[in-house]
Amino acid sequence: MTAVVVHEIAMLIWNQNIRHVDAAKASILSNLEPFVTIAMGSVLLYKPITRVKKTMSECCLISK
């Protein structure tokens, strides 16, 4: 449940600020979204960054 909340907060912040960059940079930055979500969960919710989270975020990065 907390992962969903943190992901949605990250998406709101991301979408509010992504309009300030051009399309080429926006596509590159969108690949960083999983990492931003994990970092926000770690900072805001004091959740540890586990190996599973690292692996899944790397899979997201590779799949794009």
Foldseek 3Di string as FASTA:
>chain_A
DVLVVLLVVLVVVCVVPLVVDDPVVSVVVVLCSLVSSLVSCCVVVVDDCDPVSVVVSVVSSVVD
